[in-house]
Amino acid sequence: MTGSSETITVNANVSITVEALQAVVANAKAAAGSDDRGVFRVDTADSVSDIISLFLAEKDFETFAKDINNYT
């Protein structure tokens, strides 16, 4: 990544596999744990957003987006 720290939130439709979604939900629940009644208090939609954002940051989406060859 180029080191810029300013970010914005963009709401977008993203296609992911069912298996990826299942993994995010299962891992988010496992990470959050359940309360004494066995209820999981985790927003899985936020978890999907967080994990995609983390992936984009770690895989240097900024450089990918700047490459004109990725638009053809």
N, C-alpha and C. Protein backbone atom coordinates (compact mmCIF):
# COMPACT_ATOMS: atom_id res chain seq x y z
N MET A 1 0.84 -1.17 0.00
CA MET A 1 0.00 0.00 0.00
C MET A 1 0.89 1.23 0.00
N THR A 2 0.36 2.33 -0.48
CA THR A 2 1.17 3.52 -0.61
C THR A 2 1.32 4.29 0.69
N GLY A 3 0.63 3.90 1.73
CA GLY A 3 0.80 4.53 3.02
C GLY A 3 -0.22 5.60 3.34
N SER A 4 -1.17 5.86 2.44
CA SER A 4 -2.19 6.85 2.77
C SER A 4 -3.08 6.29 3.86
N SER A 5 -3.49 7.16 4.78
CA SER A 5 -4.29 6.66 5.89
C SER A 5 -5.73 7.16 5.84
N GLU A 6 -6.05 8.04 4.93
CA GLU A 6 -7.41 8.55 4.83
C GLU A 6 -8.26 7.56 4.07
N THR A 7 -9.38 7.17 4.67
CA THR A 7 -10.29 6.23 4.01
C THR A 7 -11.71 6.76 4.08
N ILE A 8 -12.56 6.23 3.21
CA ILE A 8 -13.99 6.51 3.24
C ILE A 8 -14.71 5.17 3.18
N THR A 9 -15.95 5.17 3.59
CA THR A 9 -16.76 3.97 3.50
C THR A 9 -17.58 4.04 2.22
N VAL A 10 -17.50 2.97 1.42
CA VAL A 10 -18.24 2.87 0.18
C VAL A 10 -19.16 1.65 0.29
N ASN A 11 -20.44 1.86 0.10
CA ASN A 11 -21.39 0.75 0.08
C ASN A 11 -21.47 0.24 -1.35
N ALA A 12 -21.19 -1.04 -1.53
CA ALA A 12 -21.17 -1.61 -2.87
C ALA A 12 -21.72 -3.03 -2.84
N ASN A 13 -22.18 -3.49 -3.97
CA ASN A 13 -22.58 -4.88 -4.12
C ASN A 13 -21.34 -5.67 -4.52
N VAL A 14 -21.03 -6.71 -3.77
CA VAL A 14 -19.84 -7.51 -4.02
C VAL A 14 -20.28 -8.97 -4.17
N SER A 15 -19.81 -9.62 -5.21
CA SER A 15 -20.12 -11.03 -5.41
C SER A 15 -19.07 -11.88 -4.71
N ILE A 16 -19.52 -12.72 -3.79
CA ILE A 16 -18.65 -13.67 -3.11
C ILE A 16 -19.32 -15.04 -3.14
N THR A 17 -18.54 -16.07 -2.95
CA THR A 17 -19.12 -17.40 -2.95
C THR A 17 -19.93 -17.64 -1.67
N VAL A 18 -20.84 -18.56 -1.76
CA VAL A 18 -21.62 -18.96 -0.58
C VAL A 18 -20.68 -19.47 0.50
N GLU A 19 -19.67 -20.22 0.08
CA GLU A 19 -18.71 -20.78 1.04
C GLU A 19 -17.96 -19.69 1.79
N ALA A 20 -17.59 -18.62 1.09
CA ALA A 20 -16.90 -17.51 1.74
C ALA A 20 -17.81 -16.83 2.76
N LEU A 21 -19.06 -16.62 2.39
CA LEU A 21 -20.02 -16.01 3.31
C LEU A 21 -20.23 -16.90 4.54
N GLN A 22 -20.37 -18.20 4.32
CA GLN A 22 -20.54 -19.12 5.43
C GLN A 22 -19.33 -19.09 6.36
N ALA A 23 -18.15 -18.99 5.79
CA ALA A 23 -16.92 -18.94 6.60
C ALA A 23 -16.87 -17.67 7.44
N VAL A 24 -17.23 -16.54 6.85
CA VAL A 24 -17.23 -15.28 7.59
C VAL A 24 -18.22 -15.34 8.75
N VAL A 25 -19.42 -15.83 8.49
CA VAL A 25 -20.44 -15.91 9.53
C VAL A 25 -20.00 -16.86 10.65
N ALA A 26 -19.50 -18.03 10.28
CA ALA A 26 -19.06 -19.01 11.28
C ALA A 26 -17.91 -18.46 12.11
N ASN A 27 -16.94 -17.84 11.46
CA ASN A 27 -15.78 -17.31 12.19
C ASN A 27 -16.15 -16.10 13.04
N ALA A 28 -17.06 -15.27 12.56
CA ALA A 28 -17.50 -14.12 13.35
C ALA A 28 -18.21 -14.59 14.62
N LYS A 29 -19.04 -15.61 14.49
CA LYS A 29 -19.73 -16.16 15.65
C LYS A 29 -18.73 -16.79 16.61
N ALA A 30 -17.78 -17.53 16.08
CA ALA A 30 -16.77 -18.17 16.93
C ALA A 30 -15.93 -17.14 17.67
N ALA A 31 -15.57 -16.07 16.98
CA ALA A 31 -14.75 -15.02 17.59
C ALA A 31 -15.52 -14.27 18.67
N ALA A 32 -16.82 -14.04 18.43
CA ALA A 32 -17.64 -13.30 19.38
C ALA A 32 -18.04 -14.16 20.58
N GLY A 33 -18.26 -15.44 20.31
CA GLY A 33 -18.74 -16.32 21.37
C GLY A 33 -20.21 -16.04 21.68
N SER A 34 -20.80 -16.92 22.44
CA SER A 34 -22.21 -16.77 22.79
C SER A 34 -22.34 -16.30 24.23
N ASP A 35 -23.50 -15.73 24.54
CA ASP A 35 -23.74 -15.31 25.92
C ASP A 35 -24.21 -16.50 26.75
N ASP A 36 -24.62 -16.26 27.97
CA ASP A 36 -25.01 -17.35 28.87
C ASP A 36 -26.26 -18.09 28.41
N ARG A 37 -27.01 -17.50 27.50
CA ARG A 37 -28.20 -18.17 26.94
C ARG A 37 -27.89 -18.85 25.61
N GLY A 38 -26.64 -18.78 25.16
CA GLY A 38 -26.26 -19.40 23.89
C GLY A 38 -26.54 -18.54 22.68
N VAL A 39 -26.80 -17.24 22.90
CA VAL A 39 -27.11 -16.31 21.81
C VAL A 39 -25.83 -15.61 21.38
N PHE A 40 -25.62 -15.55 20.08
CA PHE A 40 -24.46 -14.85 19.53
C PHE A 40 -24.83 -13.39 19.29
N ARG A 41 -24.05 -12.48 19.82
CA ARG A 41 -24.29 -11.04 19.66
C ARG A 41 -23.23 -10.48 18.72
N VAL A 42 -23.42 -10.74 17.45
CA VAL A 42 -22.48 -10.26 16.44
C VAL A 42 -23.27 -9.86 15.20
N ASP A 43 -22.90 -8.74 14.61
CA ASP A 43 -23.53 -8.30 13.37
C ASP A 43 -22.72 -8.89 12.23
N THR A 44 -23.25 -9.95 11.62
CA THR A 44 -22.49 -10.65 10.58
C THR A 44 -22.33 -9.80 9.32
N ALA A 45 -23.25 -8.87 9.07
CA ALA A 45 -23.08 -7.97 7.92
C ALA A 45 -21.87 -7.07 8.14
N ASP A 46 -21.71 -6.57 9.36
CA ASP A 46 -20.53 -5.77 9.68
C ASP A 46 -19.27 -6.62 9.57
N SER A 47 -19.37 -7.88 9.95
CA SER A 47 -18.21 -8.78 9.85
C SER A 47 -17.79 -8.99 8.40
N VAL A 48 -18.76 -9.12 7.51
CA VAL A 48 -18.45 -9.25 6.08
C VAL A 48 -17.74 -7.99 5.61
N SER A 49 -18.27 -6.83 5.97
CA SER A 49 -17.66 -5.56 5.59
C SER A 49 -16.24 -5.46 6.13
N ASP A 50 -16.06 -5.81 7.40
CA ASP A 50 -14.74 -5.71 8.02
C ASP A 50 -13.73 -6.64 7.36
N ILE A 51 -14.12 -7.87 7.06
CA ILE A 51 -13.16 -8.83 6.50
C ILE A 51 -12.81 -8.47 5.06
N ILE A 52 -13.77 -7.95 4.31
CA ILE A 52 -13.47 -7.51 2.94
C ILE A 52 -12.55 -6.29 2.97
N SER A 53 -12.82 -5.36 3.88
CA SER A 53 -11.95 -4.18 4.01
C SER A 53 -10.54 -4.58 4.41
N LEU A 54 -10.41 -5.52 5.33
CA LEU A 54 -9.10 -6.00 5.75
C LEU A 54 -8.37 -6.65 4.57
N PHE A 55 -9.08 -7.46 3.82
CA PHE A 55 -8.49 -8.11 2.65
C PHE A 55 -7.99 -7.07 1.64
N LEU A 56 -8.81 -6.07 1.36
CA LEU A 56 -8.42 -5.04 0.39
C LEU A 56 -7.20 -4.26 0.86
N ALA A 57 -7.12 -3.99 2.15
CA ALA A 57 -5.97 -3.27 2.68
C ALA A 57 -4.71 -4.13 2.62
N GLU A 58 -4.82 -5.39 3.00
CA GLU A 58 -3.65 -6.26 3.04
C GLU A 58 -3.16 -6.64 1.64
N LYS A 59 -4.07 -6.71 0.69
CA LYS A 59 -3.70 -7.11 -0.67
C LYS A 59 -3.44 -5.92 -1.58
N ASP A 60 -3.37 -4.71 -1.00
CA ASP A 60 -3.02 -3.48 -1.71
C ASP A 60 -3.97 -3.17 -2.86
N PHE A 61 -5.24 -3.03 -2.53
CA PHE A 61 -6.25 -2.68 -3.51
C PHE A 61 -5.96 -1.35 -4.19
N GLU A 62 -5.34 -0.44 -3.45
CA GLU A 62 -5.03 0.88 -4.02
C GLU A 62 -4.16 0.76 -5.27
N THR A 63 -3.11 -0.02 -5.20
CA THR A 63 -2.24 -0.23 -6.37
C THR A 63 -3.00 -0.92 -7.49
N PHE A 64 -3.80 -1.92 -7.13
CA PHE A 64 -4.60 -2.63 -8.12
C PHE A 64 -5.55 -1.68 -8.83
N ALA A 65 -6.21 -0.80 -8.07
CA ALA A 65 -7.17 0.14 -8.64
C ALA A 65 -6.51 1.17 -9.55
N LYS A 66 -5.26 1.51 -9.27
CA LYS A 66 -4.55 2.50 -10.07
C LYS A 66 -4.04 1.94 -11.40
N ASP A 67 -3.98 0.64 -11.54
CA ASP A 67 -3.45 0.01 -12.75
C ASP A 67 -4.53 -0.03 -13.83
N ILE A 68 -4.35 0.76 -14.87
CA ILE A 68 -5.32 0.87 -15.97
C ILE A 68 -5.58 -0.48 -16.63
N ASN A 69 -4.64 -1.38 -16.60
CA ASN A 69 -4.80 -2.68 -17.24
C ASN A 69 -5.88 -3.53 -16.56
N ASN A 70 -6.24 -3.20 -15.34
CA ASN A 70 -7.30 -3.95 -14.66
C ASN A 70 -8.69 -3.52 -15.06
N TYR A 71 -8.80 -2.55 -15.94
CA TYR A 71 -10.09 -2.05 -16.38
C TYR A 71 -10.47 -2.50 -17.78
N THR A 72 -9.67 -3.31 -18.38
CA THR A 72 -9.97 -3.77 -19.73
C THR A 72 -10.26 -5.25 -19.77
